[in-house]
Amino acid sequence: MSKPLRQPWAGPLGLYHPGKSVLHRCPPGAKLAGLALAGILVSVAHGPVSAVVALGVAVVAQLVSRVPWHRTTRGLLGTLVAVSLVGLYQWWIRGWAAGLEVVLDIVALVLLATIVTATTRADALLEVLARLARPLRHVGLSPETFALACGLFLRTIPVLVQTSLEARDAARARGLERDPRAVLVPSAVRMVAHARATGDALAARGLGED
């Protein structure tokens, strides 16, 4: 019996998991402010102890949110690979403490950001971004357009991931898995086509004409 196909990752805006936890009921603006504060504290604090504390806070937030672990860890796999490489480099340059600090800090922040998107509807997050972007009206940029651009960017991430995986599988089927061009060129062509299709859809709805 063949294994069931795994659903493609829906990206940061597709992580929302309905619930009634404290974090679900917390206002979206407060959660974004808390995430920004966590980023500042992690940047200011130094040492592996503070990094362990930050990761502990992220794990506690995950438990409080009552969101299934597979909903928040699925998008972390690629991050863990990249962070591990950065951590090894920092370990080689600055020692094990610095490498461990970098890895734990980044994982903690990514997990916290994932929890925010898992406990907040996408439209609520984009509404907060639009309110924060209101000062941009003074320079001729619509806050709604800014929020839409952020939403399109976040929704493009899973498309890029899925396109790259499909291009890699196609290259592997032709025996070209060792040729970077066999993956990069088809991925680039398909992403350009996706961008043009998105632009045409927005233009058809009259967005961006002003």
Protein backbone atom coordinates (compact mmCIF):
# COMPACT_ATOMS: atom_id res chain seq x y z
CA MET A 1 0.00 0.00 0.00
CA SER A 2 1.40 3.37 -1.00
CA LYS A 3 1.83 6.04 1.61
CA PRO A 4 -0.70 8.90 1.53
CA LEU A 5 0.54 12.04 -0.11
CA ARG A 6 1.66 14.65 2.38
CA GLN A 7 -0.10 17.98 2.02
CA PRO A 8 2.24 20.76 0.93
CA TRP A 9 3.29 23.29 3.53
CA ALA A 10 0.81 26.17 3.49
CA GLY A 11 3.34 28.75 4.65
CA PRO A 12 3.24 31.14 7.63
CA LEU A 13 -0.29 32.36 6.86
CA GLY A 14 -1.62 28.83 6.56
CA LEU A 15 -0.70 27.72 10.07
CA TYR A 16 -3.79 29.02 11.88
CA HIS A 17 -5.27 26.42 14.21
CA PRO A 18 -8.61 27.35 15.82
CA GLY A 19 -8.71 27.20 19.58
CA LYS A 20 -9.81 28.85 22.81
CA SER A 21 -6.50 29.22 24.62
CA VAL A 22 -5.26 32.42 26.22
CA LEU A 23 -3.07 33.11 23.20
CA HIS A 24 -5.99 32.63 20.82
CA ARG A 25 -7.99 35.23 22.74
CA CYS A 26 -5.08 37.67 22.98
CA PRO A 27 -5.37 40.66 20.56
CA PRO A 28 -3.25 40.26 17.40
CA GLY A 29 -1.51 43.59 18.01
CA ALA A 30 -0.44 42.50 21.48
CA LYS A 31 0.98 39.25 20.13
CA LEU A 32 2.96 41.07 17.44
CA ALA A 33 4.23 43.54 20.04
CA GLY A 34 5.27 40.65 22.29
CA LEU A 35 7.08 39.01 19.41
CA ALA A 36 8.92 42.24 18.65
CA LEU A 37 9.85 42.60 22.33
CA ALA A 38 11.13 39.02 22.38
CA GLY A 39 13.33 39.79 19.39
CA ILE A 40 14.80 42.83 21.15
CA LEU A 41 15.46 40.92 24.37
CA VAL A 42 17.13 38.06 22.52
CA SER A 43 19.35 40.55 20.68
CA VAL A 44 20.33 42.35 23.88
CA ALA A 45 20.91 39.30 26.10
CA HIS A 46 24.08 37.29 25.58
CA GLY A 47 25.22 33.86 26.60
CA PRO A 48 23.87 30.32 26.27
CA VAL A 49 21.88 30.64 29.52
CA SER A 50 19.71 33.44 28.12
CA ALA A 51 19.26 31.43 24.92
CA VAL A 52 18.04 28.41 26.90
CA VAL A 53 15.62 30.68 28.78
CA ALA A 54 14.31 32.08 25.46
CA LEU A 55 13.75 28.59 24.09
CA GLY A 56 12.04 27.61 27.34
CA VAL A 57 9.67 30.57 27.02
CA ALA A 58 8.87 29.54 23.44
CA VAL A 59 8.13 25.96 24.53
CA VAL A 60 5.88 27.20 27.36
CA ALA A 61 4.04 29.43 24.86
CA GLN A 62 3.56 26.40 22.63
CA LEU A 63 2.06 24.42 25.51
CA VAL A 64 -0.21 27.30 26.52
CA SER A 65 -1.46 27.72 22.94
CA ARG A 66 -2.58 24.06 22.86
CA VAL A 67 -1.65 23.92 19.19
CA PRO A 68 -0.52 20.43 18.05
CA TRP A 69 3.24 20.18 17.78
CA HIS A 70 3.14 19.03 14.17
CA ARG A 71 1.42 22.30 13.23
CA THR A 72 4.30 24.40 14.57
CA THR A 73 7.30 22.18 13.88
CA ARG A 74 6.57 21.40 10.22
CA GLY A 75 7.82 24.78 9.05
CA LEU A 76 10.86 24.57 11.34
CA LEU A 77 12.62 21.77 9.44
CA GLY A 78 14.24 24.02 6.85
CA THR A 79 15.10 26.54 9.54
CA LEU A 80 16.84 23.89 11.64
CA VAL A 81 19.06 22.89 8.73
CA ALA A 82 20.13 26.48 8.02
CA VAL A 83 20.53 27.33 11.71
CA SER A 84 22.66 24.23 12.31
CA LEU A 85 25.09 25.36 9.61
CA VAL A 86 25.26 28.86 11.10
CA GLY A 87 25.76 27.38 14.57
CA LEU A 88 28.61 25.17 13.42
CA TYR A 89 30.30 28.15 11.80
CA GLN A 90 29.92 30.24 14.97
CA TRP A 91 31.24 27.32 17.02
CA TRP A 92 34.33 27.16 14.81
CA ILE A 93 34.91 30.92 14.87
CA ARG A 94 33.81 31.93 18.39
CA GLY A 95 33.48 28.73 20.41
CA TRP A 96 30.72 26.33 21.43
CA ALA A 97 28.91 28.84 23.65
CA ALA A 98 28.40 31.32 20.81
CA GLY A 99 27.31 28.57 18.42
CA LEU A 100 24.78 27.20 20.90
CA GLU A 101 23.47 30.69 21.64
CA VAL A 102 22.87 31.49 17.97
CA VAL A 103 21.05 28.20 17.32
CA LEU A 104 18.78 28.41 20.36
CA ASP A 105 18.01 32.11 19.88
CA ILE A 106 16.94 31.68 16.26
CA VAL A 107 14.92 28.53 16.97
CA ALA A 108 13.16 30.28 19.87
CA LEU A 109 12.22 33.31 17.77
CA VAL A 110 11.03 31.19 14.84
CA LEU A 111 8.95 29.05 17.18
CA LEU A 112 7.41 32.14 18.80
CA ALA A 113 6.61 33.62 15.39
CA THR A 114 5.05 30.33 14.33
CA ILE A 115 2.90 30.28 17.46
CA VAL A 116 1.68 33.81 16.68
CA THR A 117 0.55 32.78 13.20
CA ALA A 118 -0.92 29.52 14.52
CA THR A 119 -3.11 31.35 17.05
CA THR A 120 -4.07 34.34 14.88
CA ARG A 121 -6.15 34.46 11.71
CA ALA A 122 -4.32 35.72 8.64
CA ASP A 123 -6.82 38.51 8.02
CA ALA A 124 -6.38 39.75 11.60
CA LEU A 125 -2.59 39.89 11.19
CA LEU A 126 -2.85 41.76 7.90
CA GLU A 127 -5.33 44.19 9.47
CA VAL A 128 -2.79 45.00 12.19
CA LEU A 129 -0.10 45.54 9.56
CA ALA A 130 -2.41 47.92 7.70
CA ARG A 131 -2.99 49.94 10.88
CA LEU A 132 0.73 50.09 11.62
CA ALA A 133 1.38 51.28 8.05
CA ARG A 134 -1.02 54.25 8.25
CA PRO A 135 1.87 56.78 8.45
CA LEU A 136 2.87 55.61 4.96
CA ARG A 137 -0.08 57.59 3.59
CA HIS A 138 2.07 60.72 4.01
CA VAL A 139 4.51 59.38 1.41
CA GLY A 140 1.79 58.26 -1.01
CA LEU A 141 1.65 54.56 -0.11
CA SER A 142 -1.65 52.96 0.82
CA PRO A 143 -1.53 50.96 4.09
CA GLU A 144 -3.87 48.40 2.54
CA THR A 145 -1.46 47.94 -0.37
CA PHE A 146 1.41 47.47 2.09
CA ALA A 147 -0.53 44.81 4.01
CA LEU A 148 -1.48 43.10 0.74
CA ALA A 149 2.16 43.06 -0.36
CA CYS A 150 3.18 41.46 2.97
CA GLY A 151 0.46 38.85 2.59
CA LEU A 152 1.47 38.02 -0.98
CA PHE A 153 5.11 37.72 0.08
CA LEU A 154 4.27 35.28 2.88
CA ARG A 155 1.98 33.25 0.65
CA THR A 156 4.72 33.03 -1.99
CA ILE A 157 7.11 31.23 0.40
CA PRO A 158 5.31 27.84 0.26
CA VAL A 159 4.92 28.21 -3.52
CA LEU A 160 8.69 28.67 -3.82
CA VAL A 161 9.34 25.67 -1.57
CA GLN A 162 6.92 23.44 -3.50
CA THR A 163 8.28 24.59 -6.87
CA SER A 164 11.86 23.83 -5.80
CA LEU A 165 10.90 20.37 -4.55
CA GLU A 166 9.08 19.54 -7.78
CA ALA A 167 12.02 20.77 -9.88
CA ARG A 168 14.40 18.68 -7.78
CA ASP A 169 12.24 15.56 -8.24
CA ALA A 170 12.07 16.16 -12.00
CA ALA A 171 15.85 16.57 -12.19
CA ARG A 172 16.34 13.40 -10.16
CA ALA A 173 14.03 11.47 -12.52
CA ARG A 174 16.24 12.55 -15.45
CA GLY A 175 19.44 11.66 -13.57
CA LEU A 176 20.47 15.33 -13.28
CA GLU A 177 20.23 15.74 -9.51
CA ARG A 178 23.89 16.83 -9.38
CA ASP A 179 23.38 19.62 -11.92
CA PRO A 180 22.25 22.85 -10.12
CA ARG A 181 20.93 24.28 -13.39
CA ALA A 182 18.43 21.44 -13.68
CA VAL A 183 16.81 22.68 -10.47
CA LEU A 184 17.43 26.43 -10.47
CA VAL A 185 16.37 27.21 -14.06
CA PRO A 186 12.95 25.45 -13.97
CA SER A 187 12.29 26.87 -10.49
CA ALA A 188 13.10 30.41 -11.65
CA VAL A 189 10.95 30.09 -14.76
CA ARG A 190 7.97 28.79 -12.81
CA MET A 191 8.30 31.47 -10.11
CA VAL A 192 8.41 34.21 -12.76
CA ALA A 193 5.28 32.72 -14.32
CA HIS A 194 3.63 32.64 -10.89
CA ALA A 195 4.56 36.28 -10.28
CA ARG A 196 3.13 37.36 -13.64
CA ALA A 197 -0.06 35.40 -13.06
CA THR A 198 -0.44 37.03 -9.64
CA GLY A 199 0.14 40.47 -11.14
CA ASP A 200 -2.41 39.83 -13.87
CA ALA A 201 -4.97 38.70 -11.28
CA LEU A 202 -4.41 41.84 -9.20
CA ALA A 203 -4.67 44.04 -12.29
CA ALA A 204 -7.91 42.33 -13.30
CA ARG A 205 -9.34 43.33 -9.93
CA GLY A 206 -8.26 46.93 -10.39
CA LEU A 207 -5.59 46.81 -7.65
CA GLY A 208 -2.61 49.07 -8.06
CA GLU A 209 -4.16 51.31 -10.68
CA ASP A 210 -3.83 54.37 -8.43
